[in-house]
Amino acid sequence: PGWVQCHTPAADASGPVKAVMDAVFEEFKFQRLPAPVGIALAWCINLWGGVPWLDLGLVGFHRKPPMVDHEWADQLCEIPLAVSACPTAAVRPTKVEYNGN
């Protein structure tokens, strides 16, 4: 009957996705929609997550930049993936000095 996908390394998607699913869950559960419905939350409108060609595309963004824990940031596997996947190079890593490194 439909799907909800989330491709949002730069936005906290849990809140908006939960709100949307709470609103449409009964429609999916009882298949009351006229056709399969695609819903996506993305952080970039430039084709990230297929927003332009879905039935309902949501753009999520942080009101404030997220806090970065530099001690752990270089150990996360999602950061290189997010940087390489962004079509507009809007996500770029920042070089900072941490503990003399």
PDB file of N, CA and C in Angstrom:
ATOM      1  N   PRO A   1       0.799  -1.207   0.000  1.00  0.00           N
ATOM      2  CA  PRO A   1       0.000   0.000   0.000  1.00  0.00           C
ATOM      3  C   PRO A   1       0.838   1.265   0.000  1.00  0.00           C
ATOM      4  N   GLY A   2       2.104   1.219   0.362  1.00  0.00           N
ATOM      5  CA  GLY A   2       2.917   2.429   0.387  1.00  0.00           C
ATOM      6  C   GLY A   2       4.164   2.221   1.198  1.00  0.00           C
ATOM      7  N   TRP A   3       4.964   3.240   1.329  1.00  0.00           N
ATOM      8  CA  TRP A   3       6.206   3.144   2.081  1.00  0.00           C
ATOM      9  C   TRP A   3       6.606   4.516   2.581  1.00  0.00           C
ATOM     10  N   VAL A   4       7.404   4.532   3.601  1.00  0.00           N
ATOM     11  CA  VAL A   4       8.017   5.754   4.106  1.00  0.00           C
ATOM     12  C   VAL A   4       9.499   5.487   4.151  1.00  0.00           C
ATOM     13  N   GLN A   5      10.269   6.336   3.519  1.00  0.00           N
ATOM     14  CA  GLN A   5      11.715   6.164   3.545  1.00  0.00           C
ATOM     15  C   GLN A   5      12.354   7.408   4.134  1.00  0.00           C
ATOM     16  N   CYS A   6      13.555   7.251   4.619  1.00  0.00           N
ATOM     17  CA  CYS A   6      14.248   8.356   5.256  1.00  0.00           C
ATOM     18  C   CYS A   6      15.719   8.302   4.899  1.00  0.00           C
ATOM     19  N   HIS A   7      16.208   9.323   4.244  1.00  0.00           N
ATOM     20  CA  HIS A   7      17.618   9.437   3.876  1.00  0.00           C
ATOM     21  C   HIS A   7      18.111  10.751   4.468  1.00  0.00           C
ATOM     22  N   THR A   8      18.357  10.790   5.747  1.00  0.00           N
ATOM     23  CA  THR A   8      18.585  12.078   6.383  1.00  0.00           C
ATOM     24  C   THR A   8      19.775  12.092   7.313  1.00  0.00           C
ATOM     25  N   PRO A   9      20.994  11.994   6.821  1.00  0.00           N
ATOM     26  CA  PRO A   9      22.125  12.069   7.710  1.00  0.00           C
ATOM     27  C   PRO A   9      22.317  13.451   8.310  1.00  0.00           C
ATOM     28  N   ALA A  10      21.762  14.486   7.692  1.00  0.00           N
ATOM     29  CA  ALA A  10      21.976  15.843   8.193  1.00  0.00           C
ATOM     30  C   ALA A  10      20.773  16.392   8.936  1.00  0.00           C
ATOM     31  N   ALA A  11      19.727  15.626   9.094  1.00  0.00           N
ATOM     32  CA  ALA A  11      18.552  16.082   9.830  1.00  0.00           C
ATOM     33  C   ALA A  11      18.127  14.977  10.785  1.00  0.00           C
ATOM     34  N   ASP A  12      17.559  15.376  11.899  1.00  0.00           N
ATOM     35  CA  ASP A  12      17.048  14.390  12.843  1.00  0.00           C
ATOM     36  C   ASP A  12      15.644  14.017  12.397  1.00  0.00           C
ATOM     37  N   ALA A  13      15.515  12.879  11.770  1.00  0.00           N
ATOM     38  CA  ALA A  13      14.257  12.501  11.130  1.00  0.00           C
ATOM     39  C   ALA A  13      13.266  11.829  12.061  1.00  0.00           C
ATOM     40  N   SER A  14      13.680  11.398  13.226  1.00  0.00           N
ATOM     41  CA  SER A  14      12.797  10.571  14.049  1.00  0.00           C
ATOM     42  C   SER A  14      11.502  11.282  14.414  1.00  0.00           C
ATOM     43  N   GLY A  15      11.553  12.542  14.778  1.00  0.00           N
ATOM     44  CA  GLY A  15      10.344  13.279  15.158  1.00  0.00           C
ATOM     45  C   GLY A  15       9.372  13.471  14.008  1.00  0.00           C
ATOM     46  N   PRO A  16       9.825  14.064  12.884  1.00  0.00           N
ATOM     47  CA  PRO A  16       8.903  14.248  11.755  1.00  0.00           C
ATOM     48  C   PRO A  16       8.364  12.938  11.181  1.00  0.00           C
ATOM     49  N   VAL A  17       9.204  11.915  11.084  1.00  0.00           N
ATOM     50  CA  VAL A  17       8.739  10.633  10.546  1.00  0.00           C
ATOM     51  C   VAL A  17       7.688  10.028  11.468  1.00  0.00           C
ATOM     52  N   LYS A  18       7.896  10.089  12.780  1.00  0.00           N
ATOM     53  CA  LYS A  18       6.906   9.574  13.737  1.00  0.00           C
ATOM     54  C   LYS A  18       5.596  10.343  13.614  1.00  0.00           C
ATOM     55  N   ALA A  19       5.658  11.670  13.483  1.00  0.00           N
ATOM     56  CA  ALA A  19       4.443  12.477  13.366  1.00  0.00           C
ATOM     57  C   ALA A  19       3.662  12.129  12.100  1.00  0.00           C
ATOM     58  N   VAL A  20       4.374  11.963  10.982  1.00  0.00           N
ATOM     59  CA  VAL A  20       3.706  11.611   9.726  1.00  0.00           C
ATOM     60  C   VAL A  20       3.089  10.221   9.829  1.00  0.00           C
ATOM     61  N   MET A  21       3.832   9.265  10.357  1.00  0.00           N
ATOM     62  CA  MET A  21       3.295   7.903  10.458  1.00  0.00           C
ATOM     63  C   MET A  21       2.119   7.829  11.430  1.00  0.00           C
ATOM     64  N   ASP A  22       2.154   8.619  12.506  1.00  0.00           N
ATOM     65  CA  ASP A  22       0.998   8.652  13.402  1.00  0.00           C
ATOM     66  C   ASP A  22      -0.237   9.152  12.663  1.00  0.00           C
ATOM     67  N   ALA A  23      -0.045  10.122  11.760  1.00  0.00           N
ATOM     68  CA  ALA A  23      -1.172  10.701  11.031  1.00  0.00           C
ATOM     69  C   ALA A  23      -1.725   9.765   9.957  1.00  0.00           C
ATOM     70  N   VAL A  24      -0.869   8.975   9.316  1.00  0.00           N
ATOM     71  CA  VAL A  24      -1.327   8.159   8.181  1.00  0.00           C
ATOM     72  C   VAL A  24      -1.343   6.653   8.463  1.00  0.00           C
ATOM     73  N   PHE A  25      -1.016   6.237   9.667  1.00  0.00           N
ATOM     74  CA  PHE A  25      -0.916   4.807   9.959  1.00  0.00           C
ATOM     75  C   PHE A  25      -2.206   4.051   9.647  1.00  0.00           C
ATOM     76  N   GLU A  26      -3.330   4.584  10.056  1.00  0.00           N
ATOM     77  CA  GLU A  26      -4.605   3.894   9.818  1.00  0.00           C
ATOM     78  C   GLU A  26      -4.881   3.749   8.322  1.00  0.00           C
ATOM     79  N   GLU A  27      -4.470   4.741   7.532  1.00  0.00           N
ATOM     80  CA  GLU A  27      -4.679   4.661   6.085  1.00  0.00           C
ATOM     81  C   GLU A  27      -3.868   3.512   5.489  1.00  0.00           C
ATOM     82  N   PHE A  28      -2.623   3.360   5.951  1.00  0.00           N
ATOM     83  CA  PHE A  28      -1.792   2.250   5.481  1.00  0.00           C
ATOM     84  C   PHE A  28      -2.320   0.910   6.000  1.00  0.00           C
ATOM     85  N   LYS A  29      -2.694   0.894   7.268  1.00  0.00           N
ATOM     86  CA  LYS A  29      -3.132  -0.351   7.904  1.00  0.00           C
ATOM     87  C   LYS A  29      -4.357  -0.951   7.210  1.00  0.00           C
ATOM     88  N   PHE A  30      -5.318  -0.105   6.890  1.00  0.00           N
ATOM     89  CA  PHE A  30      -6.556  -0.590   6.283  1.00  0.00           C
ATOM     90  C   PHE A  30      -6.593  -0.386   4.769  1.00  0.00           C
ATOM     91  N   GLN A  31      -5.483   0.011   4.189  1.00  0.00           N
ATOM     92  CA  GLN A  31      -5.341   0.188   2.743  1.00  0.00           C
ATOM     93  C   GLN A  31      -6.471   1.031   2.158  1.00  0.00           C
ATOM     94  N   ARG A  32      -6.671   2.204   2.753  1.00  0.00           N
ATOM     95  CA  ARG A  32      -7.733   3.092   2.288  1.00  0.00           C
ATOM     96  C   ARG A  32      -7.246   4.112   1.266  1.00  0.00           C
ATOM     97  N   LEU A  33      -5.995   4.028   0.878  1.00  0.00           N
ATOM     98  CA  LEU A  33      -5.472   4.960  -0.117  1.00  0.00           C
ATOM     99  C   LEU A  33      -5.749   4.411  -1.515  1.00  0.00           C
ATOM    100  N   PRO A  34      -5.949   5.291  -2.510  1.00  0.00           N
ATOM    101  CA  PRO A  34      -6.305   4.816  -3.846  1.00  0.00           C
ATOM    102  C   PRO A  34      -5.185   4.080  -4.575  1.00  0.00           C
ATOM    103  N   ALA A  35      -3.945   4.267  -4.170  1.00  0.00           N
ATOM    104  CA  ALA A  35      -2.799   3.637  -4.839  1.00  0.00           C
ATOM    105  C   ALA A  35      -1.621   3.647  -3.877  1.00  0.00           C
ATOM    106  N   PRO A  36      -0.533   2.945  -4.212  1.00  0.00           N
ATOM    107  CA  PRO A  36       0.666   3.037  -3.365  1.00  0.00           C
ATOM    108  C   PRO A  36       1.118   4.488  -3.206  1.00  0.00           C
ATOM    109  N   VAL A  37       1.505   4.834  -2.011  1.00  0.00           N
ATOM    110  CA  VAL A  37       1.896   6.204  -1.692  1.00  0.00           C
ATOM    111  C   VAL A  37       3.350   6.207  -1.253  1.00  0.00           C
ATOM    112  N   GLY A  38       4.122   7.124  -1.805  1.00  0.00           N
ATOM    113  CA  GLY A  38       5.515   7.288  -1.395  1.00  0.00           C
ATOM    114  C   GLY A  38       5.671   8.546  -0.564  1.00  0.00           C
ATOM    115  N   ILE A  39       6.252   8.407   0.615  1.00  0.00           N
ATOM    116  CA  ILE A  39       6.498   9.532   1.515  1.00  0.00           C
ATOM    117  C   ILE A  39       7.966   9.489   1.892  1.00  0.00           C
ATOM    118  N   ALA A  40       8.646  10.626   1.807  1.00  0.00           N
ATOM    119  CA  ALA A  40      10.062  10.662   2.185  1.00  0.00           C
ATOM    120  C   ALA A  40      10.360  11.941   2.938  1.00  0.00           C
ATOM    121  N   LEU A  41      11.309  11.847   3.841  1.00  0.00           N
ATOM    122  CA  LEU A  41      11.842  13.012   4.532  1.00  0.00           C
ATOM    123  C   LEU A  41      13.294  13.135   4.115  1.00  0.00           C
ATOM    124  N   ALA A  42      13.674  14.281   3.629  1.00  0.00           N
ATOM    125  CA  ALA A  42      15.045  14.500   3.190  1.00  0.00           C
ATOM    126  C   ALA A  42      15.556  15.799   3.789  1.00  0.00           C
ATOM    127  N   TRP A  43      16.850  15.961   3.754  1.00  0.00           N
ATOM    128  CA  TRP A  43      17.453  17.197   4.260  1.00  0.00           C
ATOM    129  C   TRP A  43      17.884  18.084   3.117  1.00  0.00           C
ATOM    130  N   CYS A  44      17.777  17.622   1.891  1.00  0.00           N
ATOM    131  CA  CYS A  44      18.201  18.383   0.719  1.00  0.00           C
ATOM    132  C   CYS A  44      17.172  18.150  -0.381  1.00  0.00           C
ATOM    133  N   ILE A  45      16.591  19.200  -0.909  1.00  0.00           N
ATOM    134  CA  ILE A  45      15.546  19.066  -1.918  1.00  0.00           C
ATOM    135  C   ILE A  45      16.099  18.601  -3.265  1.00  0.00           C
ATOM    136  N   ASN A  46      17.414  18.640  -3.459  1.00  0.00           N
ATOM    137  CA  ASN A  46      18.029  18.304  -4.744  1.00  0.00           C
ATOM    138  C   ASN A  46      18.122  16.799  -4.959  1.00  0.00           C
ATOM    139  N   LEU A  47      16.990  16.161  -5.098  1.00  0.00           N
ATOM    140  CA  LEU A  47      16.886  14.736  -5.411  1.00  0.00           C
ATOM    141  C   LEU A  47      17.353  13.813  -4.299  1.00  0.00           C
ATOM    142  N   TRP A  48      17.685  14.315  -3.142  1.00  0.00           N
ATOM    143  CA  TRP A  48      18.142  13.466  -2.051  1.00  0.00           C
ATOM    144  C   TRP A  48      16.947  12.728  -1.475  1.00  0.00           C
ATOM    145  N   GLY A  49      16.939  11.430  -1.551  1.00  0.00           N
ATOM    146  CA  GLY A  49      15.838  10.634  -1.029  1.00  0.00           C
ATOM    147  C   GLY A  49      14.657  10.553  -1.974  1.00  0.00           C
ATOM    148  N   GLY A  50      14.795  11.036  -3.185  1.00  0.00           N
ATOM    149  CA  GLY A  50      13.709  10.950  -4.148  1.00  0.00           C
ATOM    150  C   GLY A  50      12.559  11.887  -3.871  1.00  0.00           C
ATOM    151  N   VAL A  51      12.786  12.971  -3.136  1.00  0.00           N
ATOM    152  CA  VAL A  51      11.706  13.878  -2.753  1.00  0.00           C
ATOM    153  C   VAL A  51      10.917  14.411  -3.953  1.00  0.00           C
ATOM    154  N   PRO A  52      11.545  14.833  -5.053  1.00  0.00           N
ATOM    155  CA  PRO A  52      10.762  15.447  -6.136  1.00  0.00           C
ATOM    156  C   PRO A  52       9.749  14.523  -6.797  1.00  0.00           C
ATOM    157  N   TRP A  53       9.962  13.222  -6.805  1.00  0.00           N
ATOM    158  CA  TRP A  53       9.023  12.358  -7.516  1.00  0.00           C
ATOM    159  C   TRP A  53       8.170  11.495  -6.593  1.00  0.00           C
ATOM    160  N   LEU A  54       8.125  11.802  -5.331  1.00  0.00           N
ATOM    161  CA  LEU A  54       7.246  11.073  -4.421  1.00  0.00           C
ATOM    162  C   LEU A  54       5.918  11.805  -4.268  1.00  0.00           C
ATOM    163  N   ASP A  55       4.947  11.126  -3.702  1.00  0.00           N
ATOM    164  CA  ASP A  55       3.642  11.738  -3.489  1.00  0.00           C
ATOM    165  C   ASP A  55       3.685  12.807  -2.402  1.00  0.00           C
ATOM    166  N   LEU A  56       4.474  12.562  -1.373  1.00  0.00           N
ATOM    167  CA  LEU A  56       4.613  13.528  -0.288  1.00  0.00           C
ATOM    168  C   LEU A  56       6.083  13.604   0.087  1.00  0.00           C
ATOM    169  N   GLY A  57       6.711  14.718  -0.195  1.00  0.00           N
ATOM    170  CA  GLY A  57       8.120  14.913   0.137  1.00  0.00           C
ATOM    171  C   GLY A  57       8.263  15.966   1.210  1.00  0.00           C
ATOM    172  N   LEU A  58       8.929  15.631   2.283  1.00  0.00           N
ATOM    173  CA  LEU A  58       9.149  16.554   3.391  1.00  0.00           C
ATOM    174  C   LEU A  58      10.625  16.912   3.447  1.00  0.00           C
ATOM    175  N   VAL A  59      10.911  18.181   3.694  1.00  0.00           N
ATOM    176  CA  VAL A  59      12.295  18.617   3.843  1.00  0.00           C
ATOM    177  C   VAL A  59      12.503  18.964   5.308  1.00  0.00           C
ATOM    178  N   GLY A  60      13.441  18.274   5.943  1.00  0.00           N
ATOM    179  CA  GLY A  60      13.731  18.523   7.347  1.00  0.00           C
ATOM    180  C   GLY A  60      15.095  19.160   7.500  1.00  0.00           C
ATOM    181  N   PHE A  61      15.233  20.031   8.465  1.00  0.00           N
ATOM    182  CA  PHE A  61      16.520  20.655   8.724  1.00  0.00           C
ATOM    183  C   PHE A  61      16.607  21.026  10.194  1.00  0.00           C
ATOM    184  N   HIS A  62      17.816  21.194  10.660  1.00  0.00           N
ATOM    185  CA  HIS A  62      18.033  21.589  12.048  1.00  0.00           C
ATOM    186  C   HIS A  62      17.777  23.081  12.203  1.00  0.00           C
ATOM    187  N   ARG A  63      17.137  23.474  13.302  1.00  0.00           N
ATOM    188  CA  ARG A  63      17.001  24.899  13.590  1.00  0.00           C
ATOM    189  C   ARG A  63      18.342  25.467  14.020  1.00  0.00           C
ATOM    190  N   LYS A  64      19.119  24.670  14.697  1.00  0.00           N
ATOM    191  CA  LYS A  64      20.465  25.051  15.120  1.00  0.00           C
ATOM    192  C   LYS A  64      21.412  23.961  14.636  1.00  0.00           C
ATOM    193  N   PRO A  65      22.650  24.307  14.348  1.00  0.00           N
ATOM    194  CA  PRO A  65      23.593  23.249  13.959  1.00  0.00           C
ATOM    195  C   PRO A  65      23.748  22.242  15.095  1.00  0.00           C
ATOM    196  N   PRO A  66      23.805  20.960  14.779  1.00  0.00           N
ATOM    197  CA  PRO A  66      23.968  19.962  15.838  1.00  0.00           C
ATOM    198  C   PRO A  66      25.338  20.071  16.490  1.00  0.00           C
ATOM    199  N   MET A  67      25.400  19.716  17.751  1.00  0.00           N
ATOM    200  CA  MET A  67      26.673  19.714  18.462  1.00  0.00           C
ATOM    201  C   MET A  67      27.522  18.556  17.941  1.00  0.00           C
ATOM    202  N   VAL A  68      28.788  18.811  17.729  1.00  0.00           N
ATOM    203  CA  VAL A  68      29.699  17.791  17.217  1.00  0.00           C
ATOM    204  C   VAL A  68      30.605  17.328  18.347  1.00  0.00           C
ATOM    205  N   ASP A  69      30.645  16.045  18.581  1.00  0.00           N
ATOM    206  CA  ASP A  69      31.557  15.463  19.549  1.00  0.00           C
ATOM    207  C   ASP A  69      32.810  15.049  18.781  1.00  0.00           C
ATOM    208  N   HIS A  70      33.803  15.914  18.753  1.00  0.00           N
ATOM    209  CA  HIS A  70      34.990  15.693  17.933  1.00  0.00           C
ATOM    210  C   HIS A  70      35.769  14.441  18.340  1.00  0.00           C
ATOM    211  N   GLU A  71      35.622  14.014  19.580  1.00  0.00           N
ATOM    212  CA  GLU A  71      36.321  12.815  20.028  1.00  0.00           C
ATOM    213  C   GLU A  71      35.835  11.575  19.272  1.00  0.00           C
ATOM    214  N   TRP A  72      34.548  11.558  18.923  1.00  0.00           N
ATOM    215  CA  TRP A  72      33.970  10.379  18.277  1.00  0.00           C
ATOM    216  C   TRP A  72      33.643  10.583  16.799  1.00  0.00           C
ATOM    217  N   ALA A  73      33.615  11.812  16.322  1.00  0.00           N
ATOM    218  CA  ALA A  73      33.153  12.094  14.958  1.00  0.00           C
ATOM    219  C   ALA A  73      33.970  11.373  13.893  1.00  0.00           C
ATOM    220  N   ASP A  74      35.279  11.286  14.072  1.00  0.00           N
ATOM    221  CA  ASP A  74      36.098  10.641  13.041  1.00  0.00           C
ATOM    222  C   ASP A  74      35.960   9.116  13.046  1.00  0.00           C
ATOM    223  N   GLN A  75      35.276   8.556  14.036  1.00  0.00           N
ATOM    224  CA  GLN A  75      35.103   7.109  14.114  1.00  0.00           C
ATOM    225  C   GLN A  75      33.751   6.645  13.565  1.00  0.00           C
ATOM    226  N   LEU A  76      32.926   7.579  13.118  1.00  0.00           N
ATOM    227  CA  LEU A  76      31.601   7.225  12.622  1.00  0.00           C
ATOM    228  C   LEU A  76      31.658   6.876  11.144  1.00  0.00           C
ATOM    229  N   CYS A  77      31.058   5.774  10.779  1.00  0.00           N
ATOM    230  CA  CYS A  77      31.111   5.338   9.382  1.00  0.00           C
ATOM    231  C   CYS A  77      30.142   6.121   8.503  1.00  0.00           C
ATOM    232  N   GLU A  78      29.127   6.784   9.069  1.00  0.00           N
ATOM    233  CA  GLU A  78      28.133   7.477   8.257  1.00  0.00           C
ATOM    234  C   GLU A  78      28.661   8.774   7.654  1.00  0.00           C
ATOM    235  N   ILE A  79      29.677   9.385   8.256  1.00  0.00           N
ATOM    236  CA  ILE A  79      30.142  10.684   7.775  1.00  0.00           C
ATOM    237  C   ILE A  79      30.699  10.606   6.360  1.00  0.00           C
ATOM    238  N   PRO A  80      31.608   9.687   6.016  1.00  0.00           N
ATOM    239  CA  PRO A  80      32.073   9.628   4.620  1.00  0.00           C
ATOM    240  C   PRO A  80      30.946   9.341   3.633  1.00  0.00           C
ATOM    241  N   LEU A  81      29.987   8.528   4.025  1.00  0.00           N
ATOM    242  CA  LEU A  81      28.863   8.221   3.152  1.00  0.00           C
ATOM    243  C   LEU A  81      28.028   9.472   2.890  1.00  0.00           C
ATOM    244  N   ALA A  82      27.751  10.244   3.929  1.00  0.00           N
ATOM    245  CA  ALA A  82      26.965  11.465   3.760  1.00  0.00           C
ATOM    246  C   ALA A  82      27.694  12.473   2.886  1.00  0.00           C
ATOM    247  N   VAL A  83      28.996  12.610   3.071  1.00  0.00           N
ATOM    248  CA  VAL A  83      29.780  13.557   2.274  1.00  0.00           C
ATOM    249  C   VAL A  83      29.794  13.133   0.813  1.00  0.00           C
ATOM    250  N   SER A  84      30.020  11.873   0.542  1.00  0.00           N
ATOM    251  CA  SER A  84      30.123  11.415  -0.845  1.00  0.00           C
ATOM    252  C   SER A  84      28.776  11.381  -1.551  1.00  0.00           C
ATOM    253  N   ALA A  85      27.686  11.238  -0.823  1.00  0.00           N
ATOM    254  CA  ALA A  85      26.375  11.099  -1.447  1.00  0.00           C
ATOM    255  C   ALA A  85      25.686  12.423  -1.728  1.00  0.00           C
ATOM    256  N   CYS A  86      26.129  13.512  -1.140  1.00  0.00           N
ATOM    257  CA  CYS A  86      25.450  14.796  -1.319  1.00  0.00           C
ATOM    258  C   CYS A  86      25.718  15.336  -2.726  1.00  0.00           C
ATOM    259  N   PRO A  87      24.673  15.530  -3.541  1.00  0.00           N
ATOM    260  CA  PRO A  87      24.882  15.963  -4.923  1.00  0.00           C
ATOM    261  C   PRO A  87      25.357  17.404  -5.056  1.00  0.00           C
ATOM    262  N   THR A  88      25.156  18.217  -4.046  1.00  0.00           N
ATOM    263  CA  THR A  88      25.546  19.627  -4.148  1.00  0.00           C
ATOM    264  C   THR A  88      26.758  19.964  -3.292  1.00  0.00           C
ATOM    265  N   ALA A  89      27.383  18.991  -2.688  1.00  0.00           N
ATOM    266  CA  ALA A  89      28.537  19.181  -1.799  1.00  0.00           C
ATOM    267  C   ALA A  89      28.212  20.116  -0.637  1.00  0.00           C
ATOM    268  N   ALA A  90      26.966  20.084  -0.192  1.00  0.00           N
ATOM    269  CA  ALA A  90      26.565  20.922   0.932  1.00  0.00           C
ATOM    270  C   ALA A  90      27.094  20.379   2.252  1.00  0.00           C
ATOM    271  N   VAL A  91      27.376  19.080   2.309  1.00  0.00           N
ATOM    272  CA  VAL A  91      27.934  18.473   3.514  1.00  0.00           C
ATOM    273  C   VAL A  91      29.431  18.332   3.307  1.00  0.00           C
ATOM    274  N   ARG A  92      30.189  19.062   4.108  1.00  0.00           N
ATOM    275  CA  ARG A  92      31.645  19.008   4.010  1.00  0.00           C
ATOM    276  C   ARG A  92      32.217  18.833   5.414  1.00  0.00           C
ATOM    277  N   PRO A  93      33.204  17.981   5.560  1.00  0.00           N
ATOM    278  CA  PRO A  93      33.811  17.815   6.886  1.00  0.00           C
ATOM    279  C   PRO A  93      34.613  19.051   7.271  1.00  0.00           C
ATOM    280  N   THR A  94      34.684  19.311   8.561  1.00  0.00           N
ATOM    281  CA  THR A  94      35.450  20.432   9.080  1.00  0.00           C
ATOM    282  C   THR A  94      36.688  19.897   9.772  1.00  0.00           C
ATOM    283  N   LYS A  95      37.809  20.530   9.529  1.00  0.00           N
ATOM    284  CA  LYS A  95      39.053  20.149  10.205  1.00  0.00           C
ATOM    285  C   LYS A  95      39.163  20.971  11.489  1.00  0.00           C
ATOM    286  N   VAL A  96      39.305  20.293  12.604  1.00  0.00           N
ATOM    287  CA  VAL A  96      39.489  20.964  13.882  1.00  0.00           C
ATOM    288  C   VAL A  96      40.656  20.311  14.609  1.00  0.00           C
ATOM    289  N   GLU A  97      41.259  21.063  15.507  1.00  0.00           N
ATOM    290  CA  GLU A  97      42.318  20.498  16.333  1.00  0.00           C
ATOM    291  C   GLU A  97      41.685  19.974  17.606  1.00  0.00           C
ATOM    292  N   TYR A  98      41.950  18.699  17.908  1.00  0.00           N
ATOM    293  CA  TYR A  98      41.396  18.079  19.096  1.00  0.00           C
ATOM    294  C   TYR A  98      42.518  17.357  19.818  1.00  0.00           C
ATOM    295  N   ASN A  99      42.785  17.749  21.051  1.00  0.00           N
ATOM    296  CA  ASN A  99      43.855  17.162  21.863  1.00  0.00           C
ATOM    297  C   ASN A  99      45.195  17.147  21.132  1.00  0.00           C
ATOM    298  N   GLY A 100      45.502  18.232  20.451  1.00  0.00           N
ATOM    299  CA  GLY A 100      46.788  18.350  19.768  1.00  0.00           C
ATOM    300  C   GLY A 100      46.873  17.638  18.442  1.00  0.00           C
ATOM    301  N   ASN A 101      45.819  17.022  18.000  1.00  0.00           N
ATOM    302  CA  ASN A 101      45.807  16.314  16.703  1.00  0.00           C
ATOM    303  C   ASN A 101      45.057  17.126  15.667  1.00  0.00           C
TER     304      ASN A 101
END
